[in-house]
Protein backbone atom coordinates (compact mmCIF):
# COMPACT_ATOMS: atom_id res chain seq x y z
CA MET A 1 87.91 75.76 216.68
CA LEU A 2 85.23 74.45 219.01
CA GLN A 3 81.56 75.19 218.43
CA LEU A 4 79.29 74.86 221.45
CA THR A 5 75.56 74.16 221.18
CA PHE A 6 73.62 74.12 224.44
CA LEU A 7 70.94 71.43 224.31
CA GLY A 8 69.73 71.81 227.89
CA THR A 9 70.31 74.50 230.51
CA SER A 10 67.83 73.73 233.31
CA ALA A 11 68.69 72.27 236.71
CA GLY A 12 66.92 69.18 238.00
CA VAL A 13 63.75 69.32 235.91
CA PRO A 14 62.92 70.69 232.47
CA THR A 15 60.84 73.82 231.93
CA LYS A 16 58.85 74.94 228.92
CA GLN A 17 61.89 76.85 227.62
CA ARG A 18 64.76 74.76 228.98
CA ASN A 19 65.58 71.08 228.87
CA VAL A 20 67.86 69.41 231.41
CA THR A 21 71.61 69.42 230.96
CA ALA A 22 73.43 68.60 227.73
CA LEU A 23 76.12 70.39 225.74
CA ALA A 24 77.34 69.50 222.24
CA ILE A 25 80.86 70.53 221.22
CA GLU A 26 81.83 70.32 217.54
CA CYS A 27 85.53 70.09 216.65
CA LEU A 28 86.03 72.20 213.53
CA ASN A 29 89.22 72.47 211.49
CA PRO A 30 89.68 76.01 210.08
CA TYR A 31 92.51 74.79 207.86
CA LEU A 32 90.06 72.78 205.76
CA SER A 33 88.48 74.34 202.71
CA SER A 34 85.03 75.83 203.26
CA GLN A 35 83.56 73.00 201.19
CA ASN A 36 85.19 70.33 203.35
CA GLN A 37 84.24 72.14 206.56
CA SER A 38 80.58 71.94 205.62
CA ARG A 39 80.73 68.15 205.19
CA LYS A 40 79.36 66.33 208.24
CA LYS A 41 82.24 63.86 208.26
CA SER A 42 84.60 66.78 208.85
CA ARG A 43 82.68 67.86 211.96
CA PRO A 44 83.20 65.28 214.74
CA TRP A 45 81.59 66.28 218.01
CA LEU A 46 81.38 65.31 221.65
CA LEU A 47 78.50 65.44 224.09
CA ILE A 48 78.91 66.51 227.70
CA ASP A 49 76.02 65.17 229.78
CA CYS A 50 72.84 63.71 228.38
CA GLY A 51 69.75 64.61 230.33
CA GLU A 52 66.38 63.13 229.42
CA GLY A 53 65.15 64.49 226.11
CA THR A 54 68.59 65.27 224.70
CA GLN A 55 67.97 63.28 221.53
CA GLN A 56 64.79 65.27 220.94
CA GLN A 57 66.77 68.51 221.30
CA LEU A 58 69.29 67.24 218.76
CA LEU A 59 66.54 67.09 216.13
CA GLN A 60 66.54 70.89 216.10
CA THR A 61 70.21 70.92 215.07
CA LYS A 62 72.28 69.59 212.18
CA LEU A 63 74.29 67.32 214.46
CA SER A 64 74.39 63.66 213.43
CA LEU A 65 74.74 60.72 215.78
CA HIS A 66 77.06 59.17 213.20
CA GLN A 67 79.68 61.88 213.82
CA LEU A 68 79.36 61.74 217.61
CA THR A 69 82.81 60.71 218.83
CA VAL A 70 82.79 60.99 222.63
CA ILE A 71 80.16 61.19 225.36
CA CYS A 72 81.28 62.57 228.74
CA ILE A 73 79.02 62.28 231.78
CA THR A 74 79.91 64.53 234.73
CA HIS A 75 77.96 62.60 237.39
CA VAL A 76 75.13 60.14 237.93
CA HIS A 77 72.24 62.48 238.76
CA GLY A 78 69.34 61.88 236.41
CA ASP A 79 69.18 65.36 234.88
CA HIS A 80 72.67 64.67 233.52
CA CYS A 81 72.36 61.06 232.34
CA TYR A 82 68.79 59.76 231.98
CA GLY A 83 68.79 60.51 228.26
CA LEU A 84 71.82 58.33 227.55
CA PRO A 85 70.16 54.93 226.89
CA GLY A 86 67.62 56.45 224.52
CA LEU A 87 70.24 58.39 222.60
CA LEU A 88 72.41 55.28 222.18
CA ALA A 89 69.36 53.26 221.10
CA SER A 90 68.57 55.85 218.44
CA ALA A 91 72.17 55.78 217.24
CA ALA A 92 71.84 52.02 216.85
CA MET A 93 68.54 52.29 214.99
CA SER A 94 70.03 54.90 212.64
CA GLY A 95 72.61 52.37 211.47
CA ARG A 96 75.66 53.56 213.33
CA THR A 97 78.51 51.02 213.33
CA ALA A 98 81.53 53.17 214.28
CA PRO A 99 82.92 52.72 217.80
CA LEU A 100 81.94 55.28 220.44
CA THR A 101 83.90 56.41 223.49
CA ILE A 102 82.06 57.06 226.76
CA ILE A 103 83.89 58.75 229.66
CA ALA A 104 81.80 58.53 232.80
CA PRO A 105 81.58 57.26 236.38
CA LYS A 106 81.59 53.46 236.72
CA ALA A 107 77.94 53.55 237.78
CA ILE A 108 76.96 54.70 234.29
CA HIS A 109 78.32 51.42 232.91
CA ASP A 110 76.12 49.51 235.35
CA PHE A 111 73.17 51.73 234.45
CA LEU A 112 73.55 50.94 230.74
CA ASP A 113 73.97 47.22 231.44
CA ALA A 114 70.73 47.22 233.45
CA VAL A 115 68.81 48.93 230.65
CA LYS A 116 70.27 46.58 228.06
CA SER A 117 69.40 43.46 230.01
CA THR A 118 65.86 44.53 230.89
CA THR A 119 64.81 46.06 227.56
CA GLU A 120 66.67 43.87 225.05
CA LEU A 121 68.70 46.88 223.91
CA HIS A 122 71.47 45.98 221.48
CA PHE A 123 74.28 48.17 220.17
CA PRO A 124 75.71 47.28 216.74
CA PHE A 125 78.76 49.41 217.55
CA ALA A 126 81.53 48.96 220.08
CA ILE A 127 81.52 51.15 223.18
CA ASP A 128 84.90 52.04 224.62
CA PHE A 129 83.93 52.81 228.21
CA ILE A 130 86.50 54.77 230.22
CA ALA A 131 85.71 54.95 233.93
CA ILE A 132 86.47 58.33 235.47
CA GLU A 133 87.59 56.67 238.72
CA GLU A 134 90.33 54.80 236.86
CA VAL A 135 91.53 57.92 235.07
CA LEU A 136 91.75 59.88 238.31
CA SER A 137 93.57 57.04 240.06
CA ASP A 138 96.22 57.17 237.35
CA ASN A 139 97.57 60.48 238.68
CA GLY A 140 95.20 62.56 236.61
CA ALA A 141 95.96 60.90 233.28
CA LYS A 142 94.58 62.57 230.17
CA ILE A 143 92.57 60.90 227.43
CA SER A 144 93.91 61.54 223.93
CA LEU A 145 91.93 60.95 220.73
CA ALA A 146 93.07 61.45 217.14
CA LEU A 147 90.15 62.91 215.20
CA ASP A 148 92.06 62.96 211.90
CA ASN A 149 95.65 63.34 210.70
CA GLN A 150 95.66 67.05 211.61
CA GLN A 151 93.41 67.22 214.64
CA GLN A 152 93.84 65.80 218.14
CA LEU A 153 91.56 66.01 221.15
CA GLU A 154 92.68 65.75 224.75
CA ILE A 155 90.29 65.44 227.69
CA ASP A 156 91.35 65.90 231.30
CA ILE A 157 89.19 65.48 234.39
CA THR A 158 88.93 67.50 237.60
CA LYS A 159 87.11 66.24 240.68
CA LEU A 160 84.46 68.63 242.00
CA SER A 161 82.29 68.91 245.14
CA HIS A 162 78.67 67.75 244.98
CA ARG A 163 76.30 65.34 246.74
CA VAL A 164 77.66 62.56 244.53
CA ALA A 165 81.03 62.40 242.82
CA SER A 166 80.97 65.09 240.13
CA HIS A 167 83.59 66.18 237.64
CA ALA A 168 84.70 68.83 235.18
CA PHE A 169 86.09 68.10 231.74
CA GLY A 170 88.89 70.10 230.19
CA VAL A 171 88.60 69.79 226.42
CA THR A 172 91.70 70.71 224.42
CA GLN A 173 91.70 70.65 220.62
CA THR A 174 95.04 70.90 218.82
CA ILE A 175 95.23 71.30 215.04
CA HIS A 176 98.52 71.14 213.12
CA GLN A 177 99.18 72.42 209.61
CA ARG A 178 102.48 72.10 207.76
CA VAL A 179 103.05 75.19 205.59
CA LEU A 180 105.57 75.08 202.75
CA ASN A 181 107.68 78.21 202.19
CA THR A 182 107.32 78.34 198.42
CA ASP A 183 108.99 81.77 198.15
CA LYS A 184 112.14 80.39 199.75
CA LEU A 185 112.13 77.43 197.38
CA LYS A 186 111.72 79.68 194.34
CA ALA A 187 114.49 81.98 195.58
CA ALA A 188 116.77 78.94 195.81
CA GLY A 189 115.98 78.09 192.18
CA ILE A 190 113.92 75.03 192.99
CA PRO A 191 110.89 74.91 190.66
CA ALA A 192 107.56 73.39 191.64
CA SER A 193 107.61 69.60 191.44
CA PRO A 194 106.43 66.55 193.38
CA LEU A 195 109.45 67.12 195.64
CA TRP A 196 107.63 70.12 197.10
CA GLY A 197 104.91 67.81 198.36
CA GLN A 198 107.46 65.49 199.92
CA LEU A 199 109.06 68.41 201.76
CA GLN A 200 105.68 69.53 203.06
CA GLN A 201 104.97 66.04 204.34
CA GLY A 202 108.18 66.17 206.40
CA HIS A 203 110.53 64.21 204.13
CA ASP A 204 114.07 65.36 203.30
CA VAL A 205 114.77 65.14 199.56
CA THR A 206 117.70 65.01 197.17
CA LEU A 207 117.60 67.03 193.91
CA GLU A 208 118.88 65.80 190.57
CA ASP A 209 121.99 67.99 190.95
CA GLY A 210 122.80 66.26 194.22
CA ARG A 211 121.68 69.01 196.56
CA GLN A 212 120.00 67.79 199.73
CA LEU A 213 117.04 69.70 201.13
CA ALA A 214 115.89 69.32 204.72
CA SER A 215 112.16 69.60 205.23
CA ALA A 216 112.68 71.61 208.42
CA ASP A 217 114.38 74.37 206.40
CA TYR A 218 111.38 74.92 204.14
CA VAL A 219 108.38 74.00 206.28
CA HIS A 220 106.95 75.63 209.38
CA ASN A 221 104.20 74.29 211.58
CA ASN A 222 101.05 76.28 212.20
CA GLN A 223 99.15 75.20 215.27
CA ARG A 224 95.82 76.13 216.77
CA ARG A 225 95.16 75.12 220.35
CA THR A 226 91.69 75.71 221.76
CA ARG A 227 90.74 74.76 225.30
CA ILE A 228 87.59 75.08 227.37
CA VAL A 229 86.55 73.76 230.77
CA VAL A 230 83.01 72.46 231.32
CA ALA A 231 82.04 71.74 234.91
CA GLY A 232 79.37 69.45 236.28
CA ASP A 233 77.44 70.27 239.46
CA ASN A 234 79.80 71.85 241.96
CA ASP A 235 79.57 74.00 245.08
CA SER A 236 83.28 74.88 245.17
CA PRO A 237 84.44 76.65 241.98
CA GLU A 238 87.93 77.09 243.45
CA LEU A 239 88.54 73.38 242.79
CA LEU A 240 88.97 74.42 239.14
CA SER A 241 91.88 76.78 239.80
CA ALA A 242 94.45 74.55 238.11
CA ALA A 243 92.16 73.50 235.26
CA VAL A 244 91.38 77.05 234.10
CA LYS A 245 94.98 78.30 234.00
CA ASN A 246 95.31 77.44 230.31
CA THR A 247 91.94 78.63 229.07
CA ASP A 248 89.89 81.78 228.73
CA LEU A 249 86.45 80.14 228.91
CA LEU A 250 84.67 78.33 231.72
CA VAL A 251 81.18 76.82 231.47
CA HIS A 252 79.81 76.41 234.99
CA GLU A 253 76.53 75.99 236.78
CA ALA A 254 74.90 78.93 238.56
CA THR A 255 71.81 77.23 239.90
CA TYR A 256 70.59 80.23 241.87
CA THR A 257 71.60 83.53 243.47
CA ASN A 258 73.49 83.66 246.73
CA GLU A 259 70.38 84.91 248.56
CA VAL A 260 68.29 81.96 247.37
CA LYS A 261 71.07 79.52 248.22
CA ALA A 262 71.26 80.89 251.77
CA ARG A 263 67.49 80.70 252.11
CA ILE A 264 67.45 77.06 251.01
CA LEU A 265 70.15 76.14 253.53
CA ALA A 266 68.39 78.02 256.33
CA LYS A 267 65.05 76.37 255.54
CA ASN A 268 66.59 72.90 255.49
CA SER A 269 68.41 73.46 258.78
CA GLY A 270 65.06 73.93 260.49
CA ASN A 271 63.23 71.18 258.65
CA MET A 272 63.34 67.90 260.56
CA GLY A 273 62.71 65.86 257.41
CA ASN A 274 65.36 67.72 255.47
CA ALA A 275 67.68 68.69 258.31
CA GLY A 276 71.22 69.32 257.20
CA PHE A 277 70.44 68.77 253.51
CA ASP A 278 72.68 70.87 251.27
CA PRO A 279 71.94 70.77 247.50
CA MET A 280 75.65 71.56 246.97
CA HIS A 281 75.32 73.89 243.99
CA SER A 282 77.06 77.15 243.19
CA SER A 283 75.47 80.57 243.23
CA ALA A 284 76.07 83.15 240.50
CA GLN A 285 78.14 85.16 242.99
CA GLN A 286 80.46 82.24 243.77
CA VAL A 287 81.22 81.47 240.14
CA ALA A 288 81.58 85.11 239.13
CA GLN A 289 83.99 85.83 241.99
CA PHE A 290 86.05 82.77 241.08
CA ALA A 291 86.16 83.76 237.40
CA LYS A 292 87.31 87.25 238.31
CA ASP A 293 89.99 86.00 240.71
CA SER A 294 91.21 83.53 238.06
CA GLY A 295 91.50 86.19 235.37
CA LEU A 296 89.08 84.42 233.03
CA GLN A 297 88.06 86.52 230.06
CA HIS A 298 84.89 84.60 229.20
CA LEU A 299 82.27 82.91 231.39
CA ILE A 300 79.11 81.03 230.42
CA LEU A 301 76.65 80.25 233.20
CA THR A 302 74.13 77.41 232.88
CA HIS A 303 72.08 74.87 234.90
CA PHE A 304 69.53 77.35 236.24
CA SER A 305 66.89 76.46 238.81
CA ALA A 306 63.39 76.14 237.39
CA ARG A 307 62.28 78.83 239.88
CA TYR A 308 63.81 81.46 237.55
CA GLN A 309 61.50 82.47 234.72
CA ASN A 310 63.11 82.75 231.30
CA PHE A 311 62.61 86.52 230.85
CA ASP A 312 65.10 89.19 231.93
CA ASN A 313 63.43 92.02 233.87
CA PRO A 314 65.19 93.55 236.89
CA ASN A 315 62.01 95.39 237.86
CA SER A 316 59.93 92.26 238.23
CA THR A 317 59.33 90.72 241.66
CA THR A 318 59.08 87.31 240.00
CA ALA A 319 62.36 85.39 240.04
CA ASN A 320 63.83 85.67 236.55
CA MET A 321 67.16 85.53 234.72
CA SER A 322 68.00 89.16 235.50
CA HIS A 323 68.54 88.14 239.13
CA ILE A 324 71.23 85.65 238.09
CA ARG A 325 72.74 88.07 235.56
CA LEU A 326 72.91 91.10 237.87
CA GLU A 327 74.48 89.13 240.71
CA ALA A 328 77.16 87.74 238.40
CA GLN A 329 77.87 91.17 236.91
CA ARG A 330 78.46 92.67 240.35
CA TYR A 331 81.49 90.43 240.76
CA TYR A 332 82.63 89.77 237.18
CA GLN A 333 83.05 92.47 234.54
CA ASN A 334 84.48 90.48 231.62
CA GLN A 335 82.43 88.77 228.92
CA LEU A 336 79.48 86.98 230.52
CA TRP A 337 76.68 84.93 228.98
CA LEU A 338 73.71 83.14 230.50
CA ALA A 339 73.24 80.07 228.34
CA GLU A 340 69.91 79.31 226.70
CA ASP A 341 68.79 76.13 224.98
CA PHE A 342 70.07 76.07 221.36
CA ALA A 343 72.47 78.99 221.91
CA GLN A 344 75.71 78.55 219.97
CA TYR A 345 79.21 79.87 220.59
CA THR A 346 82.54 79.43 218.81
CA VAL A 347 85.83 79.27 220.68
CA GLU A 348 89.02 79.63 218.68
CA GLY A 349 92.67 79.73 219.57
CA GLU A 350 94.89 82.10 217.62
CA PRO A 351 97.24 80.39 215.15
CA ILE A 352 100.79 80.13 216.40
CA THR A 353 103.95 78.97 214.68
CA THR A 354 106.14 76.43 216.40
CA ASN A 355 109.58 75.43 215.23
CA LYS A 356 112.16 73.24 216.90
CA GLY A 357 110.11 72.74 220.04
CA SER A 358 109.36 76.39 220.75
CA GLU A 359 106.32 77.04 222.94
CA HIS A 360 103.77 79.82 222.77
CA THR A 361 100.78 80.70 224.91
CA ALA A 362 97.70 80.88 222.71
CA LYS A 363 94.92 83.40 223.17
CA PHE A 364 91.28 82.55 222.64
CA SER A 365 88.37 84.37 221.08
CA VAL A 366 84.77 83.51 221.97
CA GLN A 367 81.85 84.55 219.79
CA TYR A 368 78.13 84.20 220.41
CA LEU A 369 76.42 83.02 217.21
CA GLY A 370 72.79 83.28 218.31
CA SER A 371 70.25 80.47 218.45
CA VAL A 372 70.07 77.43 216.22
CA LEU A 373 66.32 78.06 216.02
CA ASP A 374 66.88 81.43 214.36
CA ARG A 375 68.79 79.95 211.42
CA ASP A 376 67.84 77.54 208.65
């Protein structure tokens, strides 16, 4: 199960209600007991983008920098990365010593080096920096991380279209649970004993009467696979066609409506100082049409231009969120959300049973939990 917390949903500059881009994704294990699930150490999380002020936004949540496992930066524009040095500095000052993985463009490595050398910034933890350019050059290799002995995380990268190199991250969580068929054991006259535990752990055993029991005959594997795709700035949603085939949820920018986008392009074409300048963002219409054509069941829009006021009123002449929402709904009729700062969602794959290499296509459920600010 993945739990999403939006820490910033504004494009370019912050507003009074929205900070610039950042998204926290907690990796939760539903097979753990409720007591263990509530423990922070059982809730590793990753951060996608880190606009200025992200660490301040985190103070409104229960997320700890000690459980932060991976930081992914989609591109080098400041509203997606200027908060990174400060967040890492705070992690250092809080006593973090565990290694941290950063997946980002090579320029982010240079950016951090410059800040370190000019401000005497020191990290008491190792940073495993993975350059996106190197991953893409390796025929689209995927990055695999073992979160614990049951839970694995896989991150894949898709190149997008923006004024600078921008990327989307596919985040796939896989959780395995070995379930012992105790009824079958009892029916075979095999009473509970430490041998049961050995079978569940995958070991074949021999009973005192000489009978041999194969673990595969008494254990089945439950698996939950949950996948989402989170895109950076991008003016061509169709570039994500392959990435979204195995998911039901896309998080994508919708910086403005199609009408506003056309007006910006027309204005710039006649402006000598800005001639030919294209911001290279998607409109709500573009993303909604792509989501519909791709058969996506769930869509979360984010990264809204500061020109749109935070209220939702279709009757107002002031640009507001209803303009984004109504345009998207004209082209996409499945579950749609317009992200807000501190909004939370859970994404969960249905449990499936796999035996002897069988494959199943998992379905996903997405639930809106409300705002972090509305809960203790």
